[in-house]
Amino acid sequence: IGADGTFVLLSLGFGVLTAAAVFLFRRRGGIPLVVALVVGGLLGA
């Protein structure tokens, strides 16, 4: 259970950090950005 919980917490942190970095890079939203974050996050996990 601890291994699963550690993976989830790390994944949540990576999701927040990558989205914040992309937003600072683009300063705008858009469907392509959201899709890129979702696909990249799933592949990264």
All heavy atoms as atom14 arrays in JSON, in Angstrom:
{
  "sequence": "IGADGTFVLLSLGFGVLTAAAVFLFRRRGGIPLVVALVVGGLLGA",
  "atom14_mask": [
    [1, 1, 1, 1, 1, 1, 1, 1, 0, 0, 0, 0, 0, 0],
    [1, 1, 1, 1, 0, 0, 0, 0, 0, 0, 0, 0, 0, 0],
    [1, 1, 1, 1, 1, 0, 0, 0, 0, 0, 0, 0, 0, 0],
    [1, 1, 1, 1, 1, 1, 1, 1, 0, 0, 0, 0, 0, 0],
    [1, 1, 1, 1, 0, 0, 0, 0, 0, 0, 0, 0, 0, 0],
    [1, 1, 1, 1, 1, 1, 1, 0, 0, 0, 0, 0, 0, 0],
    [1, 1, 1, 1, 1, 1, 1, 1, 1, 1, 1, 0, 0, 0],
    [1, 1, 1, 1, 1, 1, 1, 0, 0, 0, 0, 0, 0, 0],
    [1, 1, 1, 1, 1, 1, 1, 1, 0, 0, 0, 0, 0, 0],
    [1, 1, 1, 1, 1, 1, 1, 1, 0, 0, 0, 0, 0, 0],
    [1, 1, 1, 1, 1, 1, 0, 0, 0, 0, 0, 0, 0, 0],
    [1, 1, 1, 1, 1, 1, 1, 1, 0, 0, 0, 0, 0, 0],
    [1, 1, 1, 1, 0, 0, 0, 0, 0, 0, 0, 0, 0, 0],
    [1, 1, 1, 1, 1, 1, 1, 1, 1, 1, 1, 0, 0, 0],
    [1, 1, 1, 1, 0, 0, 0, 0, 0, 0, 0, 0, 0, 0],
    [1, 1, 1, 1, 1, 1, 1, 0, 0, 0, 0, 0, 0, 0],
    [1, 1, 1, 1, 1, 1, 1, 1, 0, 0, 0, 0, 0, 0],
    [1, 1, 1, 1, 1, 1, 1, 0, 0, 0, 0, 0, 0, 0],
    [1, 1, 1, 1, 1, 0, 0, 0, 0, 0, 0, 0, 0, 0],
    [1, 1, 1, 1, 1, 0, 0, 0, 0, 0, 0, 0, 0, 0],
    [1, 1, 1, 1, 1, 0, 0, 0, 0, 0, 0, 0, 0, 0],
    [1, 1, 1, 1, 1, 1, 1, 0, 0, 0, 0, 0, 0, 0],
    [1, 1, 1, 1, 1, 1, 1, 1, 1, 1, 1, 0, 0, 0],
    [1, 1, 1, 1, 1, 1, 1, 1, 0, 0, 0, 0, 0, 0],
    [1, 1, 1, 1, 1, 1, 1, 1, 1, 1, 1, 0, 0, 0],
    [1, 1, 1, 1, 1, 1, 1, 1, 1, 1, 1, 0, 0, 0],
    [1, 1, 1, 1, 1, 1, 1, 1, 1, 1, 1, 0, 0, 0],
    [1, 1, 1, 1, 1, 1, 1, 1, 1, 1, 1, 0, 0, 0],
    [1, 1, 1, 1, 0, 0, 0, 0, 0, 0, 0, 0, 0, 0],
    [1, 1, 1, 1, 0, 0, 0, 0, 0, 0, 0, 0, 0, 0],
    [1, 1, 1, 1, 1, 1, 1, 1, 0, 0, 0, 0, 0, 0],
    [1, 1, 1, 1, 1, 1, 1, 0, 0, 0, 0, 0, 0, 0],
    [1, 1, 1, 1, 1, 1, 1, 1, 0, 0, 0, 0, 0, 0],
    [1, 1, 1, 1, 1, 1, 1, 0, 0, 0, 0, 0, 0, 0],
    [1, 1, 1, 1, 1, 1, 1, 0, 0, 0, 0, 0, 0, 0],
    [1, 1, 1, 1, 1, 0, 0, 0, 0, 0, 0, 0, 0, 0],
    [1, 1, 1, 1, 1, 1, 1, 1, 0, 0, 0, 0, 0, 0],
    [1, 1, 1, 1, 1, 1, 1, 0, 0, 0, 0, 0, 0, 0],
    [1, 1, 1, 1, 1, 1, 1, 0, 0, 0, 0, 0, 0, 0],
    [1, 1, 1, 1, 0, 0, 0, 0, 0, 0, 0, 0, 0, 0],
    [1, 1, 1, 1, 0, 0, 0, 0, 0, 0, 0, 0, 0, 0],
    [1, 1, 1, 1, 1, 1, 1, 1, 0, 0, 0, 0, 0, 0],
    [1, 1, 1, 1, 1, 1, 1, 1, 0, 0, 0, 0, 0, 0],
    [1, 1, 1, 1, 0, 0, 0, 0, 0, 0, 0, 0, 0, 0],
    [1, 1, 1, 1, 1, 0, 0, 0, 0, 0, 0, 0, 0, 0]
  ],
  "atom14_positions": [
    [[0.84, -1.2, 0.0], [0.0, 0.0, 0.0], [0.87, 1.25, 0.0], [0.57, 2.25, -0.67], [-0.96, -0.02, 1.2], [-1.86, -1.25, 1.14], [-1.78, 1.25, 1.26], [-2.79, -1.39, 2.32], [0.0, 0.0, 0.0], [0.0, 0.0, 0.0], [0.0, 0.0, 0.0], [0.0, 0.0, 0.0], [0.0, 0.0, 0.0], [0.0, 0.0, 0.0]],
    [[1.98, 1.19, 0.74], [2.88, 2.34, 0.77], [3.5, 2.62, -0.59], [3.7, 3.78, -0.97], [0.0, 0.0, 0.0], [0.0, 0.0, 0.0], [0.0, 0.0, 0.0], [0.0, 0.0, 0.0], [0.0, 0.0, 0.0], [0.0, 0.0, 0.0], [0.0, 0.0, 0.0], [0.0, 0.0, 0.0], [0.0, 0.0, 0.0], [0.0, 0.0, 0.0]],
    [[3.82, 1.57, -1.33], [4.39, 1.77, -2.67], [3.37, 2.42, -3.6], [3.71, 3.34, -4.36], [4.85, 0.43, -3.24], [0.0, 0.0, 0.0], [0.0, 0.0, 0.0], [0.0, 0.0, 0.0], [0.0, 0.0, 0.0], [0.0, 0.0, 0.0], [0.0, 0.0, 0.0], [0.0, 0.0, 0.0], [0.0, 0.0, 0.0], [0.0, 0.0, 0.0]],
    [[2.11, 1.99, -3.54], [1.07, 2.61, -4.36], [0.85, 4.06, -3.95], [0.71, 4.95, -4.81], [-0.23, 1.83, -4.25], [-0.17, 0.49, -4.97], [0.92, 0.13, -5.47], [-1.2, -0.19, -5.04], [0.0, 0.0, 0.0], [0.0, 0.0, 0.0], [0.0, 0.0, 0.0], [0.0, 0.0, 0.0], [0.0, 0.0, 0.0], [0.0, 0.0, 0.0]],
    [[0.8, 4.31, -2.64], [0.59, 5.67, -2.17], [1.73, 6.6, -2.56], [1.49, 7.76, -2.94], [0.0, 0.0, 0.0], [0.0, 0.0, 0.0], [0.0, 0.0, 0.0], [0.0, 0.0, 0.0], [0.0, 0.0, 0.0], [0.0, 0.0, 0.0], [0.0, 0.0, 0.0], [0.0, 0.0, 0.0], [0.0, 0.0, 0.0], [0.0, 0.0, 0.0]],
    [[2.95, 6.1, -2.49], [4.09, 6.92, -2.9], [4.02, 7.26, -4.38], [4.29, 8.39, -4.8], [5.4, 6.18, -2.59], [5.45, 5.87, -1.2], [6.6, 7.03, -2.95], [0.0, 0.0, 0.0], [0.0, 0.0, 0.0], [0.0, 0.0, 0.0], [0.0, 0.0, 0.0], [0.0, 0.0, 0.0], [0.0, 0.0, 0.0], [0.0, 0.0, 0.0]],
    [[3.63, 6.3, -5.19], [3.51, 6.54, -6.63], [2.43, 7.58, -6.91], [2.61, 8.47, -7.76], [3.2, 5.23, -7.35], [3.23, 5.34, -8.84], [4.41, 5.12, -9.54], [2.09, 5.65, -9.56], [4.45, 5.23, -10.92], [2.11, 5.76, -10.94], [3.29, 5.54, -11.61], [0.0, 0.0, 0.0], [0.0, 0.0, 0.0], [0.0, 0.0, 0.0]],
    [[1.31, 7.49, -6.22], [0.22, 8.45, -6.44], [0.65, 9.86, -6.04], [0.42, 10.83, -6.78], [-1.03, 8.01, -5.66], [-2.1, 9.11, -5.69], [-1.61, 6.74, -6.26], [0.0, 0.0, 0.0], [0.0, 0.0, 0.0], [0.0, 0.0, 0.0], [0.0, 0.0, 0.0], [0.0, 0.0, 0.0], [0.0, 0.0, 0.0], [0.0, 0.0, 0.0]],
    [[1.28, 9.99, -4.89], [1.7, 11.33, -4.44], [2.73, 11.93, -5.38], [2.67, 13.11, -5.72], [2.26, 11.23, -3.01], [1.24, 10.89, -1.92], [1.95, 10.77, -0.57], [0.14, 11.94, -1.85], [0.0, 0.0, 0.0], [0.0, 0.0, 0.0], [0.0, 0.0, 0.0], [0.0, 0.0, 0.0], [0.0, 0.0, 0.0], [0.0, 0.0, 0.0]],
    [[3.69, 11.12, -5.81], [4.68, 11.62, -6.76], [4.03, 12.0, -8.09], [4.39, 13.02, -8.7], [5.77, 10.57, -6.98], [6.73, 10.34, -5.81], [7.66, 9.16, -6.12], [7.56, 11.58, -5.53], [0.0, 0.0, 0.0], [0.0, 0.0, 0.0], [0.0, 0.0, 0.0], [0.0, 0.0, 0.0], [0.0, 0.0, 0.0], [0.0, 0.0, 0.0]],
    [[3.08, 11.19, -8.53], [2.41, 11.49, -9.8], [1.61, 12.78, -9.71], [1.6, 13.58, -10.66], [1.49, 10.33, -10.2], [2.24, 9.14, -10.41], [0.0, 0.0, 0.0], [0.0, 0.0, 0.0], [0.0, 0.0, 0.0], [0.0, 0.0, 0.0], [0.0, 0.0, 0.0], [0.0, 0.0, 0.0], [0.0, 0.0, 0.0], [0.0, 0.0, 0.0]],
    [[0.94, 13.0, -8.59], [0.2, 14.26, -8.42], [1.15, 15.45, -8.46], [0.86, 16.48, -9.08], [-0.57, 14.23, -7.11], [-1.75, 13.24, -7.02], [-2.34, 13.25, -5.61], [-2.82, 13.58, -8.04], [0.0, 0.0, 0.0], [0.0, 0.0, 0.0], [0.0, 0.0, 0.0], [0.0, 0.0, 0.0], [0.0, 0.0, 0.0], [0.0, 0.0, 0.0]],
    [[2.29, 15.32, -7.78], [3.27, 16.4, -7.81], [3.81, 16.66, -9.2], [3.95, 17.82, -9.62], [0.0, 0.0, 0.0], [0.0, 0.0, 0.0], [0.0, 0.0, 0.0], [0.0, 0.0, 0.0], [0.0, 0.0, 0.0], [0.0, 0.0, 0.0], [0.0, 0.0, 0.0], [0.0, 0.0, 0.0], [0.0, 0.0, 0.0], [0.0, 0.0, 0.0]],
    [[4.1, 15.59, -9.95], [4.59, 15.76, -11.31], [3.52, 16.39, -12.2], [3.83, 17.19, -13.08], [5.03, 14.41, -11.88], [6.47, 14.08, -11.62], [6.9, 13.72, -10.35], [7.41, 14.14, -12.64], [8.22, 13.42, -10.1], [8.74, 13.85, -12.38], [9.15, 13.49, -11.11], [0.0, 0.0, 0.0], [0.0, 0.0, 0.0], [0.0, 0.0, 0.0]],
    [[2.26, 16.02, -11.99], [1.2, 16.62, -12.78], [1.07, 18.11, -12.55], [0.93, 18.9, -13.5], [0.0, 0.0, 0.0], [0.0, 0.0, 0.0], [0.0, 0.0, 0.0], [0.0, 0.0, 0.0], [0.0, 0.0, 0.0], [0.0, 0.0, 0.0], [0.0, 0.0, 0.0], [0.0, 0.0, 0.0], [0.0, 0.0, 0.0], [0.0, 0.0, 0.0]],
    [[1.14, 18.54, -11.29], [1.04, 19.97, -10.98], [2.25, 20.72, -11.54], [2.11, 21.8, -12.13], [0.91, 20.16, -9.46], [0.98, 21.64, -9.11], [-0.4, 19.57, -8.96], [0.0, 0.0, 0.0], [0.0, 0.0, 0.0], [0.0, 0.0, 0.0], [0.0, 0.0, 0.0], [0.0, 0.0, 0.0], [0.0, 0.0, 0.0], [0.0, 0.0, 0.0]],
    [[3.45, 20.16, -11.37], [4.66, 20.85, -11.81], [4.72, 20.97, -13.33], [5.08, 22.03, -13.87], [5.9, 20.12, -11.28], [6.14, 20.22, -9.76], [7.36, 19.4, -9.38], [6.32, 21.67, -9.34], [0.0, 0.0, 0.0], [0.0, 0.0, 0.0], [0.0, 0.0, 0.0], [0.0, 0.0, 0.0], [0.0, 0.0, 0.0], [0.0, 0.0, 0.0]],
    [[4.39, 19.9, -14.04], [4.45, 19.97, -15.5], [3.4, 20.92, -16.06], [3.68, 21.69, -17.0], [4.25, 18.57, -16.1], [3.06, 17.96, -15.55], [5.44, 17.68, -15.81], [0.0, 0.0, 0.0], [0.0, 0.0, 0.0], [0.0, 0.0, 0.0], [0.0, 0.0, 0.0], [0.0, 0.0, 0.0], [0.0, 0.0, 0.0], [0.0, 0.0, 0.0]],
    [[2.2, 20.92, -15.48], [1.18, 21.86, -15.95], [1.58, 23.31, -15.66], [1.37, 24.2, -16.5], [-0.16, 21.55, -15.3], [0.0, 0.0, 0.0], [0.0, 0.0, 0.0], [0.0, 0.0, 0.0], [0.0, 0.0, 0.0], [0.0, 0.0, 0.0], [0.0, 0.0, 0.0], [0.0, 0.0, 0.0], [0.0, 0.0, 0.0], [0.0, 0.0, 0.0]],
    [[2.16, 23.56, -14.49], [2.61, 24.92, -14.17], [3.73, 25.36, -15.1], [3.76, 26.51, -15.55], [3.05, 24.99, -12.72], [0.0, 0.0, 0.0], [0.0, 0.0, 0.0], [0.0, 0.0, 0.0], [0.0, 0.0, 0.0], [0.0, 0.0, 0.0], [0.0, 0.0, 0.0], [0.0, 0.0, 0.0], [0.0, 0.0, 0.0], [0.0, 0.0, 0.0]],
    [[4.66, 24.46, -15.41], [5.75, 24.81, -16.32], [5.22, 25.11, -17.72], [5.67, 26.07, -18.37], [6.78, 23.67, -16.37], [0.0, 0.0, 0.0], [0.0, 0.0, 0.0], [0.0, 0.0, 0.0], [0.0, 0.0, 0.0], [0.0, 0.0, 0.0], [0.0, 0.0, 0.0], [0.0, 0.0, 0.0], [0.0, 0.0, 0.0], [0.0, 0.0, 0.0]],
    [[4.27, 24.32, -18.2], [3.69, 24.57, -19.52], [2.94, 25.89, -19.53], [3.01, 26.66, -20.51], [2.78, 23.4, -19.93], [1.97, 23.74, -21.16], [3.61, 22.15, -20.17], [0.0, 0.0, 0.0], [0.0, 0.0, 0.0], [0.0, 0.0, 0.0], [0.0, 0.0, 0.0], [0.0, 0.0, 0.0], [0.0, 0.0, 0.0], [0.0, 0.0, 0.0]],
    [[2.23, 26.2, -18.47], [1.5, 27.47, -18.43], [2.46, 28.66, -18.42], [2.21, 29.67, -19.08], [0.6, 27.51, -17.2], [-0.22, 28.77, -17.11], [-1.35, 28.94, -17.87], [0.17, 29.8, -16.26], [-2.1, 30.1, -17.8], [-0.57, 30.97, -16.18], [-1.71, 31.12, -16.95], [0.0, 0.0, 0.0], [0.0, 0.0, 0.0], [0.0, 0.0, 0.0]],
    [[3.56, 28.56, -17.68], [4.54, 29.64, -17.69], [5.2, 29.79, -19.06], [5.58, 30.88, -19.46], [5.61, 29.37, -16.62], [5.14, 29.48, -15.16], [6.27, 29.11, -14.22], [4.64, 30.88, -14.85], [0.0, 0.0, 0.0], [0.0, 0.0, 0.0], [0.0, 0.0, 0.0], [0.0, 0.0, 0.0], [0.0, 0.0, 0.0], [0.0, 0.0, 0.0]],
    [[5.31, 28.69, -19.77], [5.92, 28.72, -21.1], [4.97, 29.32, -22.13], [5.4, 30.08, -23.0], [6.32, 27.31, -21.51], [6.79, 27.19, -22.94], [7.99, 27.74, -23.34], [6.02, 26.53, -23.88], [8.4, 27.64, -24.66], [6.42, 26.41, -25.19], [7.63, 26.98, -25.58], [0.0, 0.0, 0.0], [0.0, 0.0, 0.0], [0.0, 0.0, 0.0]],
    [[3.69, 29.01, -22.05], [2.73, 29.46, -23.06], [1.89, 30.65, -22.61], [1.5, 31.47, -23.43], [1.79, 28.31, -23.43], [2.37, 27.31, -24.38], [2.7, 27.92, -25.71], [1.58, 28.64, -26.29], [0.65, 28.08, -27.05], [0.72, 26.79, -27.33], [-0.34, 28.78, -27.53], [0.0, 0.0, 0.0], [0.0, 0.0, 0.0], [0.0, 0.0, 0.0]],
    [[1.56, 30.74, -21.32], [0.71, 31.81, -20.8], [-0.67, 31.82, -21.45], [-1.3, 32.87, -21.57], [1.37, 33.17, -21.02], [2.56, 33.44, -20.12], [2.11, 33.67, -18.69], [3.23, 34.01, -17.82], [3.11, 34.27, -16.53], [1.91, 34.19, -15.96], [4.15, 34.55, -15.8], [0.0, 0.0, 0.0], [0.0, 0.0, 0.0], [0.0, 0.0, 0.0]],
    [[-1.14, 30.68, -21.87], [-2.47, 30.59, -22.44], [-2.94, 29.15, -22.37], [-2.15, 28.24, -22.09], [-2.48, 31.08, -23.9], [-1.57, 30.3, -24.8], [-1.56, 30.85, -26.21], [-2.88, 30.78, -26.81], [-3.14, 31.18, -28.04], [-2.19, 31.71, -28.78], [-4.36, 31.06, -28.55], [0.0, 0.0, 0.0], [0.0, 0.0, 0.0], [0.0, 0.0, 0.0]],
    [[-4.22, 28.94, -22.6], [-4.77, 27.6, -22.57], [-4.96, 27.07, -23.97], [-4.2, 27.38, -24.89], [0.0, 0.0, 0.0], [0.0, 0.0, 0.0], [0.0, 0.0, 0.0], [0.0, 0.0, 0.0], [0.0, 0.0, 0.0], [0.0, 0.0, 0.0], [0.0, 0.0, 0.0], [0.0, 0.0, 0.0], [0.0, 0.0, 0.0], [0.0, 0.0, 0.0]],
    [[-5.98, 26.26, -24.12], [-6.25, 25.68, -25.43], [-6.38, 24.17, -25.35], [-5.74, 23.52, -24.51], [0.0, 0.0, 0.0], [0.0, 0.0, 0.0], [0.0, 0.0, 0.0], [0.0, 0.0, 0.0], [0.0, 0.0, 0.0], [0.0, 0.0, 0.0], [0.0, 0.0, 0.0], [0.0, 0.0, 0.0], [0.0, 0.0, 0.0], [0.0, 0.0, 0.0]],
    [[-7.23, 23.64, -26.23], [-7.44, 22.2, -26.23], [-6.17, 21.43, -26.56], [-5.88, 20.41, -25.93], [-8.59, 21.85, -27.2], [-9.9, 22.46, -26.72], [-8.73, 20.35, -27.37], [-11.07, 22.22, -27.63], [0.0, 0.0, 0.0], [0.0, 0.0, 0.0], [0.0, 0.0, 0.0], [0.0, 0.0, 0.0], [0.0, 0.0, 0.0], [0.0, 0.0, 0.0]],
    [[-5.35, 21.85, -27.54], [-4.12, 21.08, -27.82], [-3.2, 20.98, -26.6], [-2.58, 19.92, -26.38], [-3.47, 21.87, -28.96], [-4.6, 22.54, -29.65], [-5.56, 22.9, -28.56], [0.0, 0.0, 0.0], [0.0, 0.0, 0.0], [0.0, 0.0, 0.0], [0.0, 0.0, 0.0], [0.0, 0.0, 0.0], [0.0, 0.0, 0.0], [0.0, 0.0, 0.0]],
    [[-3.11, 22.04, -25.8], [-2.25, 21.98, -24.62], [-2.79, 21.0, -23.58], [-2.03, 20.24, -22.98], [-2.12, 23.38, -24.0], [-1.17, 24.35, -24.7], [-1.13, 25.66, -23.94], [0.22, 23.76, -24.81], [0.0, 0.0, 0.0], [0.0, 0.0, 0.0], [0.0, 0.0, 0.0], [0.0, 0.0, 0.0], [0.0, 0.0, 0.0], [0.0, 0.0, 0.0]],
    [[-4.08, 21.05, -23.36], [-4.67, 20.13, -22.37], [-4.51, 18.68, -22.82], [-4.15, 17.8, -22.04], [-6.16, 20.48, -22.15], [-6.81, 19.48, -21.21], [-6.29, 21.89, -21.59], [0.0, 0.0, 0.0], [0.0, 0.0, 0.0], [0.0, 0.0, 0.0], [0.0, 0.0, 0.0], [0.0, 0.0, 0.0], [0.0, 0.0, 0.0], [0.0, 0.0, 0.0]],
    [[-4.76, 18.43, -24.12], [-4.59, 17.07, -24.63], [-3.13, 16.64, -24.53], [-2.83, 15.48, -24.17], [-5.08, 16.99, -26.09], [-4.77, 15.64, -26.7], [-6.59, 17.24, -26.14], [0.0, 0.0, 0.0], [0.0, 0.0, 0.0], [0.0, 0.0, 0.0], [0.0, 0.0, 0.0], [0.0, 0.0, 0.0], [0.0, 0.0, 0.0], [0.0, 0.0, 0.0]],
    [[-2.2, 17.54, -24.82], [-0.78, 17.2, -24.72], [-0.39, 16.86, -23.28], [0.37, 15.91, -23.04], [0.07, 18.36, -25.24], [0.0, 0.0, 0.0], [0.0, 0.0, 0.0], [0.0, 0.0, 0.0], [0.0, 0.0, 0.0], [0.0, 0.0, 0.0], [0.0, 0.0, 0.0], [0.0, 0.0, 0.0], [0.0, 0.0, 0.0], [0.0, 0.0, 0.0]],
    [[-0.91, 17.61, -22.33], [-0.6, 17.32, -20.92], [-1.19, 15.98, -20.49], [-0.55, 15.22, -19.74], [-1.13, 18.45, -20.03], [-0.31, 19.74, -20.03], [-1.06, 20.83, -19.27], [1.06, 19.51, -19.42], [0.0, 0.0, 0.0], [0.0, 0.0, 0.0], [0.0, 0.0, 0.0], [0.0, 0.0, 0.0], [0.0, 0.0, 0.0], [0.0, 0.0, 0.0]],
    [[-2.4, 15.69, -20.93], [-3.04, 14.42, -20.53], [-2.3, 13.24, -21.15], [-1.97, 12.26, -20.46], [-4.52, 14.42, -20.94], [-5.13, 13.05, -20.74], [-5.3, 15.46, -20.13], [0.0, 0.0, 0.0], [0.0, 0.0, 0.0], [0.0, 0.0, 0.0], [0.0, 0.0, 0.0], [0.0, 0.0, 0.0], [0.0, 0.0, 0.0], [0.0, 0.0, 0.0]],
    [[-2.02, 13.32, -22.46], [-1.32, 12.21, -23.13], [0.1, 12.06, -22.58], [0.55, 10.96, -22.27], [-1.31, 12.44, -24.64], [-0.47, 11.38, -25.34], [-2.74, 12.4, -25.19], [0.0, 0.0, 0.0], [0.0, 0.0, 0.0], [0.0, 0.0, 0.0], [0.0, 0.0, 0.0], [0.0, 0.0, 0.0], [0.0, 0.0, 0.0], [0.0, 0.0, 0.0]],
    [[0.82, 13.19, -22.46], [2.17, 13.12, -21.92], [2.21, 12.64, -20.48], [3.11, 11.88, -20.09], [0.0, 0.0, 0.0], [0.0, 0.0, 0.0], [0.0, 0.0, 0.0], [0.0, 0.0, 0.0], [0.0, 0.0, 0.0], [0.0, 0.0, 0.0], [0.0, 0.0, 0.0], [0.0, 0.0, 0.0], [0.0, 0.0, 0.0], [0.0, 0.0, 0.0]],
    [[1.23, 13.06, -19.67], [1.19, 12.6, -18.29], [0.92, 11.11, -18.18], [1.51, 10.42, -17.34], [0.0, 0.0, 0.0], [0.0, 0.0, 0.0], [0.0, 0.0, 0.0], [0.0, 0.0, 0.0], [0.0, 0.0, 0.0], [0.0, 0.0, 0.0], [0.0, 0.0, 0.0], [0.0, 0.0, 0.0], [0.0, 0.0, 0.0], [0.0, 0.0, 0.0]],
    [[0.02, 10.59, -19.02], [-0.26, 9.16, -18.99], [0.96, 8.35, -19.44], [1.33, 7.35, -18.8], [-1.46, 8.85, -19.88], [-1.93, 7.39, -19.91], [-2.31, 6.92, -18.52], [-3.1, 7.23, -20.86], [0.0, 0.0, 0.0], [0.0, 0.0, 0.0], [0.0, 0.0, 0.0], [0.0, 0.0, 0.0], [0.0, 0.0, 0.0], [0.0, 0.0, 0.0]],
    [[1.61, 8.8, -20.51], [2.82, 8.11, -20.96], [3.94, 8.23, -19.93], [4.7, 7.27, -19.71], [3.28, 8.68, -22.3], [2.34, 8.45, -23.49], [2.88, 9.14, -24.74], [2.15, 6.96, -23.75], [0.0, 0.0, 0.0], [0.0, 0.0, 0.0], [0.0, 0.0, 0.0], [0.0, 0.0, 0.0], [0.0, 0.0, 0.0], [0.0, 0.0, 0.0]],
    [[4.05, 9.4, -19.3], [5.06, 9.56, -18.27], [4.82, 8.67, -17.06], [5.77, 8.13, -16.47], [0.0, 0.0, 0.0], [0.0, 0.0, 0.0], [0.0, 0.0, 0.0], [0.0, 0.0, 0.0], [0.0, 0.0, 0.0], [0.0, 0.0, 0.0], [0.0, 0.0, 0.0], [0.0, 0.0, 0.0], [0.0, 0.0, 0.0], [0.0, 0.0, 0.0]],
    [[3.56, 8.51, -16.67], [3.25, 7.62, -15.55], [3.59, 6.17, -15.87], [4.15, 5.45, -15.05], [1.77, 7.75, -15.19], [0.0, 0.0, 0.0], [0.0, 0.0, 0.0], [0.0, 0.0, 0.0], [0.0, 0.0, 0.0], [0.0, 0.0, 0.0], [0.0, 0.0, 0.0], [0.0, 0.0, 0.0], [0.0, 0.0, 0.0], [0.0, 0.0, 0.0]]
  ]
}
